[in-house]
Amino acid sequence: MNEVKNLTNIAAIKSSTVSQEAIDLLILDLALPPVDIKQLRNQIEDVNNEGLRLKEQAQLLLDQNENLINEMAQKVIKSEELIERAQDQQAATAELLAELDGANEKADDAVKRGDQTLKEAQETLKEIRRISC
C-alpha cells in the first residue's frame, strides 16, 4: 500500500509539473511579440514620404503634360466638327447626285424626243420628195 501511495504521489507531482509547463507554454503563446516602436515609426514615415514623392511626381507629370492634354482636347473637338461638316457635305452631295440623276433622265427623254422628231421630219421629207417627184 505504501508503494501505491508513493506511486500516486509521484504521479501527482509529475501531473502537477506537466500542468504547470502547459500553463507556462500557454502564457508564452499568448504573450505579444516584442515590437520595435521606433522601427515601426520609421517605416511609417518612409511610406508617407514615398507617398508624398509619388504624389508630387504625378502632379509634375500632370503639369508638364497639361498643354498636351489641352491640345488633345482641342483636337478632339475639331475632329468632331470636321466629322459633322463631312456628314453635312455628304448629305449635300447626295442631294446634288439625286438632282443630277433627275437632269440626266430629262436629258435622255429630250434626246429620245429629239430623235423621234428627227425621224418624223425625215419621214416627212421623204414623203414630200416622193410627192414632188
N, C-alpha and C. Protein backbone atom coordinates (compact mmCIF):
# COMPACT_ATOMS: atom_id res chain seq x y z
N MET A 1 0.81 -1.17 0.00
CA MET A 1 0.00 0.00 0.00
C MET A 1 0.86 1.25 0.00
N ASN A 2 1.93 1.21 0.69
CA ASN A 2 2.87 2.34 0.67
C ASN A 2 3.39 2.58 -0.74
N GLU A 3 3.63 1.51 -1.38
CA GLU A 3 4.18 1.66 -2.73
C GLU A 3 3.14 2.33 -3.63
N VAL A 4 1.88 2.01 -3.48
CA VAL A 4 0.82 2.63 -4.27
C VAL A 4 0.73 4.09 -3.92
N LYS A 5 0.89 4.42 -2.61
CA LYS A 5 0.86 5.83 -2.20
C LYS A 5 2.03 6.56 -2.82
N ASN A 6 3.20 5.95 -2.78
CA ASN A 6 4.38 6.58 -3.38
C ASN A 6 4.18 6.80 -4.88
N LEU A 7 3.69 5.80 -5.53
CA LEU A 7 3.48 5.93 -6.98
C LEU A 7 2.41 6.98 -7.27
N THR A 8 1.39 7.05 -6.43
CA THR A 8 0.35 8.04 -6.60
C THR A 8 0.91 9.43 -6.38
N ASN A 9 1.76 9.60 -5.34
CA ASN A 9 2.40 10.90 -5.10
C ASN A 9 3.30 11.29 -6.27
N ILE A 10 4.07 10.33 -6.78
CA ILE A 10 4.96 10.62 -7.91
C ILE A 10 4.11 11.02 -9.12
N ALA A 11 3.02 10.31 -9.35
CA ALA A 11 2.14 10.63 -10.48
C ALA A 11 1.52 12.00 -10.30
N ALA A 12 1.14 12.34 -9.06
CA ALA A 12 0.55 13.65 -8.79
C ALA A 12 1.57 14.75 -9.02
N ILE A 13 2.81 14.53 -8.57
CA ILE A 13 3.86 15.53 -8.77
C ILE A 13 4.13 15.72 -10.25
N LYS A 14 4.26 14.62 -10.99
CA LYS A 14 4.53 14.71 -12.43
C LYS A 14 3.36 15.38 -13.15
N SER A 15 2.14 15.06 -12.73
CA SER A 15 0.96 15.67 -13.33
C SER A 15 0.93 17.16 -13.07
N SER A 16 1.29 17.55 -11.84
CA SER A 16 1.34 18.96 -11.49
C SER A 16 2.41 19.67 -12.30
N THR A 17 3.56 19.02 -12.46
CA THR A 17 4.66 19.61 -13.24
C THR A 17 4.24 19.79 -14.70
N VAL A 18 3.62 18.78 -15.26
CA VAL A 18 3.17 18.85 -16.66
C VAL A 18 2.12 19.94 -16.81
N SER A 19 1.20 20.05 -15.86
CA SER A 19 0.17 21.10 -15.90
C SER A 19 0.81 22.48 -15.85
N GLN A 20 1.81 22.66 -14.99
CA GLN A 20 2.49 23.95 -14.87
C GLN A 20 3.22 24.29 -16.17
N GLU A 21 3.87 23.30 -16.77
CA GLU A 21 4.57 23.52 -18.04
C GLU A 21 3.58 23.90 -19.14
N ALA A 22 2.42 23.25 -19.14
CA ALA A 22 1.39 23.57 -20.13
C ALA A 22 0.89 24.99 -19.95
N ILE A 23 0.69 25.40 -18.70
CA ILE A 23 0.25 26.77 -18.41
C ILE A 23 1.32 27.76 -18.84
N ASP A 24 2.60 27.45 -18.55
CA ASP A 24 3.70 28.34 -18.95
C ASP A 24 3.76 28.49 -20.47
N LEU A 25 3.60 27.37 -21.19
CA LEU A 25 3.60 27.43 -22.66
C LEU A 25 2.42 28.24 -23.19
N LEU A 26 1.26 28.08 -22.56
CA LEU A 26 0.09 28.84 -22.97
C LEU A 26 0.30 30.33 -22.75
N ILE A 27 0.89 30.70 -21.63
CA ILE A 27 1.17 32.11 -21.34
C ILE A 27 2.17 32.67 -22.34
N LEU A 28 3.21 31.89 -22.66
CA LEU A 28 4.20 32.34 -23.65
C LEU A 28 3.56 32.51 -25.03
N ASP A 29 2.64 31.62 -25.35
CA ASP A 29 1.97 31.70 -26.65
C ASP A 29 1.06 32.92 -26.73
N LEU A 30 0.46 33.30 -25.61
CA LEU A 30 -0.43 34.45 -25.58
C LEU A 30 0.31 35.78 -25.51
N ALA A 31 1.54 35.76 -25.12
CA ALA A 31 2.31 37.00 -24.96
C ALA A 31 2.56 37.62 -26.33
N LEU A 32 2.50 38.93 -26.40
CA LEU A 32 2.77 39.66 -27.64
C LEU A 32 4.25 39.64 -27.95
N PRO A 33 4.58 39.53 -29.22
CA PRO A 33 5.99 39.57 -29.58
C PRO A 33 6.53 40.98 -29.33
N PRO A 34 7.79 41.09 -29.13
CA PRO A 34 8.35 42.42 -28.91
C PRO A 34 8.21 43.27 -30.17
N VAL A 35 7.85 44.52 -29.99
CA VAL A 35 7.65 45.44 -31.11
C VAL A 35 8.63 46.58 -30.97
N ASP A 36 9.34 46.85 -32.07
CA ASP A 36 10.27 47.97 -32.09
C ASP A 36 9.50 49.18 -32.60
N ILE A 37 9.00 49.98 -31.67
CA ILE A 37 8.16 51.13 -32.00
C ILE A 37 8.92 52.12 -32.88
N LYS A 38 10.18 52.33 -32.57
CA LYS A 38 10.98 53.29 -33.34
C LYS A 38 11.10 52.82 -34.80
N GLN A 39 11.37 51.53 -34.99
CA GLN A 39 11.48 51.00 -36.34
C GLN A 39 10.13 51.10 -37.06
N LEU A 40 9.05 50.80 -36.35
CA LEU A 40 7.72 50.89 -36.93
C LEU A 40 7.40 52.32 -37.35
N ARG A 41 7.75 53.29 -36.51
CA ARG A 41 7.53 54.71 -36.85
C ARG A 41 8.37 55.10 -38.06
N ASN A 42 9.61 54.61 -38.12
CA ASN A 42 10.47 54.90 -39.27
C ASN A 42 9.87 54.34 -40.56
N GLN A 43 9.33 53.14 -40.48
CA GLN A 43 8.71 52.54 -41.66
C GLN A 43 7.48 53.34 -42.09
N ILE A 44 6.69 53.77 -41.12
CA ILE A 44 5.51 54.59 -41.44
C ILE A 44 5.94 55.90 -42.09
N GLU A 45 6.97 56.51 -41.55
CA GLU A 45 7.47 57.77 -42.11
C GLU A 45 8.00 57.55 -43.52
N ASP A 46 8.71 56.43 -43.74
CA ASP A 46 9.22 56.12 -45.08
C ASP A 46 8.07 55.95 -46.08
N VAL A 47 7.03 55.24 -45.65
CA VAL A 47 5.88 55.03 -46.53
C VAL A 47 5.19 56.37 -46.83
N ASN A 48 5.03 57.22 -45.81
CA ASN A 48 4.43 58.54 -46.02
C ASN A 48 5.27 59.37 -46.98
N ASN A 49 6.59 59.35 -46.79
CA ASN A 49 7.48 60.11 -47.68
C ASN A 49 7.39 59.60 -49.11
N GLU A 50 7.35 58.29 -49.28
CA GLU A 50 7.22 57.71 -50.62
C GLU A 50 5.90 58.11 -51.25
N GLY A 51 4.82 58.12 -50.46
CA GLY A 51 3.52 58.55 -50.96
C GLY A 51 3.54 60.00 -51.41
N LEU A 52 4.17 60.86 -50.61
CA LEU A 52 4.28 62.28 -50.99
C LEU A 52 5.12 62.45 -52.25
N ARG A 53 6.20 61.67 -52.34
CA ARG A 53 7.07 61.76 -53.52
C ARG A 53 6.29 61.35 -54.77
N LEU A 54 5.53 60.27 -54.67
CA LEU A 54 4.74 59.81 -55.81
C LEU A 54 3.66 60.83 -56.18
N LYS A 55 3.05 61.44 -55.18
CA LYS A 55 2.03 62.46 -55.43
C LYS A 55 2.65 63.65 -56.15
N GLU A 56 3.82 64.09 -55.69
CA GLU A 56 4.49 65.23 -56.33
C GLU A 56 4.90 64.88 -57.75
N GLN A 57 5.37 63.65 -57.95
CA GLN A 57 5.77 63.22 -59.28
C GLN A 57 4.56 63.18 -60.22
N ALA A 58 3.44 62.70 -59.73
CA ALA A 58 2.22 62.66 -60.54
C ALA A 58 1.76 64.08 -60.89
N GLN A 59 1.82 64.98 -59.92
CA GLN A 59 1.42 66.37 -60.17
C GLN A 59 2.35 67.01 -61.19
N LEU A 60 3.65 66.72 -61.08
CA LEU A 60 4.63 67.26 -62.02
C LEU A 60 4.32 66.76 -63.43
N LEU A 61 4.00 65.48 -63.56
CA LEU A 61 3.65 64.93 -64.88
C LEU A 61 2.39 65.60 -65.42
N LEU A 62 1.41 65.81 -64.56
CA LEU A 62 0.19 66.50 -65.00
C LEU A 62 0.50 67.92 -65.46
N ASP A 63 1.33 68.62 -64.67
CA ASP A 63 1.69 69.99 -65.03
C ASP A 63 2.47 70.03 -66.34
N GLN A 64 3.41 69.10 -66.51
CA GLN A 64 4.22 69.07 -67.72
C GLN A 64 3.39 68.75 -68.95
N ASN A 65 2.36 67.94 -68.77
CA ASN A 65 1.57 67.49 -69.91
C ASN A 65 0.23 68.22 -70.03
N GLU A 66 0.04 69.27 -69.24
CA GLU A 66 -1.23 69.99 -69.29
C GLU A 66 -1.48 70.56 -70.68
N ASN A 67 -0.44 71.14 -71.29
CA ASN A 67 -0.60 71.69 -72.64
C ASN A 67 -0.97 70.59 -73.63
N LEU A 68 -0.31 69.44 -73.49
CA LEU A 68 -0.61 68.32 -74.38
C LEU A 68 -2.05 67.85 -74.19
N ILE A 69 -2.48 67.76 -72.95
CA ILE A 69 -3.85 67.34 -72.66
C ILE A 69 -4.85 68.33 -73.25
N ASN A 70 -4.59 69.63 -73.06
CA ASN A 70 -5.49 70.66 -73.62
C ASN A 70 -5.48 70.61 -75.14
N GLU A 71 -4.29 70.43 -75.72
CA GLU A 71 -4.17 70.36 -77.17
C GLU A 71 -4.96 69.17 -77.71
N MET A 72 -4.85 68.04 -77.04
CA MET A 72 -5.58 66.85 -77.48
C MET A 72 -7.09 67.06 -77.36
N ALA A 73 -7.52 67.74 -76.30
CA ALA A 73 -8.94 68.02 -76.13
C ALA A 73 -9.44 68.91 -77.27
N GLN A 74 -8.64 69.92 -77.65
CA GLN A 74 -9.00 70.80 -78.76
C GLN A 74 -9.06 70.02 -80.07
N LYS A 75 -8.10 69.10 -80.26
CA LYS A 75 -8.09 68.30 -81.49
C LYS A 75 -9.31 67.39 -81.55
N VAL A 76 -9.73 66.87 -80.42
CA VAL A 76 -10.93 66.03 -80.40
C VAL A 76 -12.14 66.87 -80.80
N ILE A 77 -12.25 68.08 -80.26
CA ILE A 77 -13.37 68.97 -80.60
C ILE A 77 -13.33 69.30 -82.09
N LYS A 78 -12.14 69.65 -82.61
CA LYS A 78 -12.01 69.99 -84.02
C LYS A 78 -12.35 68.78 -84.90
N SER A 79 -11.92 67.60 -84.48
CA SER A 79 -12.23 66.38 -85.24
C SER A 79 -13.73 66.14 -85.29
N GLU A 80 -14.40 66.36 -84.17
CA GLU A 80 -15.86 66.20 -84.15
C GLU A 80 -16.53 67.19 -85.08
N GLU A 81 -16.02 68.44 -85.11
CA GLU A 81 -16.57 69.45 -86.01
C GLU A 81 -16.34 69.05 -87.47
N LEU A 82 -15.13 68.54 -87.77
CA LEU A 82 -14.83 68.11 -89.14
C LEU A 82 -15.72 66.94 -89.56
N ILE A 83 -15.96 66.03 -88.65
CA ILE A 83 -16.84 64.90 -88.96
C ILE A 83 -18.25 65.40 -89.26
N GLU A 84 -18.71 66.36 -88.47
CA GLU A 84 -20.05 66.92 -88.68
C GLU A 84 -20.12 67.62 -90.04
N ARG A 85 -19.07 68.39 -90.37
CA ARG A 85 -19.04 69.07 -91.68
C ARG A 85 -19.03 68.06 -92.81
N ALA A 86 -18.23 67.00 -92.64
CA ALA A 86 -18.15 65.97 -93.68
C ALA A 86 -19.51 65.30 -93.88
N GLN A 87 -20.22 65.06 -92.79
CA GLN A 87 -21.54 64.45 -92.90
C GLN A 87 -22.51 65.39 -93.61
N ASP A 88 -22.42 66.70 -93.30
CA ASP A 88 -23.27 67.68 -93.98
C ASP A 88 -22.95 67.72 -95.48
N GLN A 89 -21.65 67.72 -95.80
CA GLN A 89 -21.24 67.74 -97.21
C GLN A 89 -21.67 66.47 -97.93
N GLN A 90 -21.60 65.35 -97.22
CA GLN A 90 -22.03 64.09 -97.81
C GLN A 90 -23.52 64.14 -98.13
N ALA A 91 -24.30 64.71 -97.21
CA ALA A 91 -25.74 64.83 -97.44
C ALA A 91 -26.01 65.76 -98.62
N ALA A 92 -25.28 66.88 -98.70
CA ALA A 92 -25.46 67.82 -99.82
C ALA A 92 -25.06 67.15 -101.13
N THR A 93 -23.99 66.38 -101.12
CA THR A 93 -23.54 65.68 -102.32
C THR A 93 -24.60 64.67 -102.77
N ALA A 94 -25.19 63.98 -101.82
CA ALA A 94 -26.24 63.02 -102.16
C ALA A 94 -27.43 63.73 -102.81
N GLU A 95 -27.78 64.90 -102.29
CA GLU A 95 -28.88 65.68 -102.89
C GLU A 95 -28.52 66.11 -104.31
N LEU A 96 -27.28 66.59 -104.49
CA LEU A 96 -26.84 67.02 -105.83
C LEU A 96 -26.83 65.84 -106.81
N LEU A 97 -26.40 64.67 -106.33
CA LEU A 97 -26.40 63.50 -107.20
C LEU A 97 -27.83 63.12 -107.60
N ALA A 98 -28.75 63.25 -106.65
CA ALA A 98 -30.16 62.96 -106.97
C ALA A 98 -30.67 63.94 -108.02
N GLU A 99 -30.32 65.23 -107.87
CA GLU A 99 -30.72 66.24 -108.87
C GLU A 99 -30.08 65.92 -110.22
N LEU A 100 -28.82 65.51 -110.21
CA LEU A 100 -28.11 65.18 -111.45
C LEU A 100 -28.77 63.99 -112.13
N ASP A 101 -29.16 63.00 -111.35
CA ASP A 101 -29.86 61.85 -111.93
C ASP A 101 -31.16 62.30 -112.59
N GLY A 102 -31.88 63.20 -111.92
CA GLY A 102 -33.12 63.74 -112.50
C GLY A 102 -32.84 64.49 -113.79
N ALA A 103 -31.77 65.30 -113.80
CA ALA A 103 -31.41 66.05 -115.01
C ALA A 103 -31.01 65.09 -116.13
N ASN A 104 -30.28 64.03 -115.78
CA ASN A 104 -29.90 63.04 -116.81
C ASN A 104 -31.12 62.36 -117.41
N GLU A 105 -32.09 62.05 -116.57
CA GLU A 105 -33.32 61.45 -117.07
C GLU A 105 -34.04 62.40 -118.02
N LYS A 106 -34.09 63.69 -117.64
CA LYS A 106 -34.74 64.68 -118.52
C LYS A 106 -33.97 64.80 -119.83
N ALA A 107 -32.63 64.80 -119.75
CA ALA A 107 -31.82 64.91 -120.97
C ALA A 107 -32.02 63.69 -121.85
N ASP A 108 -32.04 62.49 -121.24
CA ASP A 108 -32.29 61.28 -122.03
C ASP A 108 -33.67 61.35 -122.71
N ASP A 109 -34.66 61.84 -121.97
CA ASP A 109 -36.00 61.97 -122.52
C ASP A 109 -36.00 62.98 -123.68
N ALA A 110 -35.26 64.08 -123.49
CA ALA A 110 -35.19 65.10 -124.56
C ALA A 110 -34.50 64.53 -125.79
N VAL A 111 -33.45 63.74 -125.60
CA VAL A 111 -32.76 63.13 -126.74
C VAL A 111 -33.70 62.17 -127.46
N LYS A 112 -34.45 61.38 -126.69
CA LYS A 112 -35.40 60.45 -127.32
C LYS A 112 -36.46 61.21 -128.12
N ARG A 113 -36.98 62.31 -127.53
CA ARG A 113 -37.99 63.11 -128.25
C ARG A 113 -37.37 63.77 -129.48
N GLY A 114 -36.10 64.22 -129.31
CA GLY A 114 -35.43 64.83 -130.47
C GLY A 114 -35.21 63.81 -131.57
N ASP A 115 -34.79 62.59 -131.19
CA ASP A 115 -34.62 61.53 -132.19
C ASP A 115 -35.94 61.21 -132.88
N GLN A 116 -37.00 61.17 -132.07
CA GLN A 116 -38.33 60.88 -132.63
C GLN A 116 -38.75 62.00 -133.59
N THR A 117 -38.51 63.25 -133.19
CA THR A 117 -38.85 64.40 -134.04
C THR A 117 -38.04 64.35 -135.33
N LEU A 118 -36.74 64.04 -135.22
CA LEU A 118 -35.88 63.94 -136.40
C LEU A 118 -36.38 62.84 -137.33
N LYS A 119 -36.73 61.71 -136.74
CA LYS A 119 -37.22 60.59 -137.53
C LYS A 119 -38.50 60.99 -138.26
N GLU A 120 -39.41 61.67 -137.52
CA GLU A 120 -40.65 62.12 -138.15
C GLU A 120 -40.37 63.14 -139.24
N ALA A 121 -39.40 64.03 -139.01
CA ALA A 121 -39.07 65.05 -140.01
C ALA A 121 -38.47 64.39 -141.25
N GLN A 122 -37.62 63.38 -141.03
CA GLN A 122 -37.03 62.68 -142.17
C GLN A 122 -38.11 61.94 -142.98
N GLU A 123 -39.05 61.35 -142.26
CA GLU A 123 -40.14 60.67 -142.96
C GLU A 123 -41.00 61.67 -143.73
N THR A 124 -41.22 62.83 -143.10
CA THR A 124 -42.00 63.88 -143.77
C THR A 124 -41.25 64.34 -145.02
N LEU A 125 -39.95 64.54 -144.91
CA LEU A 125 -39.13 64.97 -146.04
C LEU A 125 -39.17 63.92 -147.15
N LYS A 126 -39.08 62.68 -146.78
CA LYS A 126 -39.14 61.60 -147.78
C LYS A 126 -40.49 61.64 -148.50
N GLU A 127 -41.53 61.84 -147.69
CA GLU A 127 -42.88 61.87 -148.26
C GLU A 127 -43.02 63.06 -149.20
N ILE A 128 -42.47 64.21 -148.80
CA ILE A 128 -42.54 65.41 -149.65
C ILE A 128 -41.76 65.18 -150.93
N ARG A 129 -40.61 64.58 -150.84
CA ARG A 129 -39.79 64.30 -152.02
C ARG A 129 -40.50 63.30 -152.94
N ARG A 130 -41.10 62.33 -152.30
CA ARG A 130 -41.79 61.33 -153.09
C ARG A 130 -42.97 61.98 -153.85
N ILE A 131 -43.67 62.87 -153.17
CA ILE A 131 -44.82 63.53 -153.78
C ILE A 131 -44.34 64.50 -154.86
N SER A 132 -43.26 65.22 -154.61
CA SER A 132 -42.81 66.21 -155.58
C SER A 132 -42.12 65.56 -156.77
N CYS A 133 -41.72 64.42 -156.71
CA CYS A 133 -41.07 63.77 -157.85
C CYS A 133 -42.08 63.31 -158.78
